[in-house]
Amino acid sequence: MYVKLKQFMVEKSLKNKDLADLLDISYPCISKKLNQKGSDFTVKEVKCLCEKYGLDANLYFFS
């Protein structure tokens, strides 16, 4: 589901740790979210990432 977000991370040379630090969550937690092995991103987390990186939530999180 987060293919576009992962592509964006590669294009911008962002690592899982960068997102984890921004969202104040652990590395294993962000990894699980990105790989859909745990909980989804919260609305607060989506908003934070969209504001920081200028992302369209519908395109990167809900498509």
Protein backbone atom coordinates (compact mmCIF):
# COMPACT_ATOMS: atom_id res chain seq x y z
CA MET A 1 0.00 0.00 0.00
CA TYR A 2 2.79 2.44 0.72
CA VAL A 3 4.62 1.87 -2.56
CA LYS A 4 4.49 5.56 -3.53
CA LEU A 5 5.75 6.61 -0.10
CA LYS A 6 8.63 4.15 -0.37
CA GLN A 7 9.44 5.46 -3.87
CA PHE A 8 9.43 9.01 -2.51
CA MET A 9 11.80 7.95 0.26
CA VAL A 10 14.23 6.48 -2.29
CA GLU A 11 14.05 9.60 -4.49
CA LYS A 12 14.76 11.87 -1.52
CA SER A 13 17.33 9.52 0.07
CA LEU A 14 15.20 9.22 3.19
CA LYS A 15 15.74 6.27 5.49
CA ASN A 16 13.24 4.58 7.78
CA LYS A 17 15.12 6.14 10.69
CA ASP A 18 14.48 9.64 9.28
CA LEU A 19 10.73 9.04 9.34
CA ALA A 20 10.89 7.32 12.72
CA ASP A 21 12.77 10.28 14.21
CA LEU A 22 10.32 12.78 12.72
CA LEU A 23 7.32 10.86 14.06
CA ASP A 24 9.02 10.08 17.37
CA ILE A 25 8.49 6.35 16.98
CA SER A 26 10.94 3.45 16.97
CA TYR A 27 12.72 2.09 13.90
CA PRO A 28 10.95 -1.29 14.20
CA CYS A 29 7.59 0.49 14.42
CA ILE A 30 8.12 2.54 11.23
CA SER A 31 9.40 -0.54 9.44
CA LYS A 32 6.26 -2.47 10.39
CA LYS A 33 4.02 0.39 9.28
CA LEU A 34 5.76 0.69 5.90
CA ASN A 35 5.58 -3.06 5.33
CA GLN A 36 2.02 -3.41 6.66
CA LYS A 37 3.11 -5.83 9.37
CA GLY A 38 1.71 -3.74 12.20
CA SER A 39 -0.61 -0.81 12.72
CA ASP A 40 -1.29 1.73 9.99
CA PHE A 41 -0.11 5.32 10.14
CA THR A 42 -2.25 7.45 12.43
CA VAL A 43 -3.95 10.59 11.14
CA LYS A 44 -1.45 12.63 13.17
CA GLU A 45 1.50 10.79 11.58
CA VAL A 46 0.08 11.21 8.06
CA LYS A 47 -0.46 14.92 8.69
CA CYS A 48 3.07 15.33 10.03
CA LEU A 49 4.67 13.60 7.03
CA CYS A 50 2.51 15.48 4.53
CA GLU A 51 3.33 18.85 6.08
CA LYS A 52 7.06 18.11 6.36
CA TYR A 53 7.52 16.76 2.83
CA GLY A 54 4.63 18.40 0.94
CA LEU A 55 2.91 15.09 0.23
CA ASP A 56 -0.69 14.56 -0.89
CA ALA A 57 -2.21 12.24 1.73
CA ASN A 58 -4.66 10.72 -0.76
CA LEU A 59 -1.86 9.83 -3.17
CA TYR A 60 0.68 8.52 -0.66
CA PHE A 61 -1.46 6.99 2.06
CA PHE A 62 -4.96 6.24 0.80
CA SER A 63 -4.56 4.95 -2.74
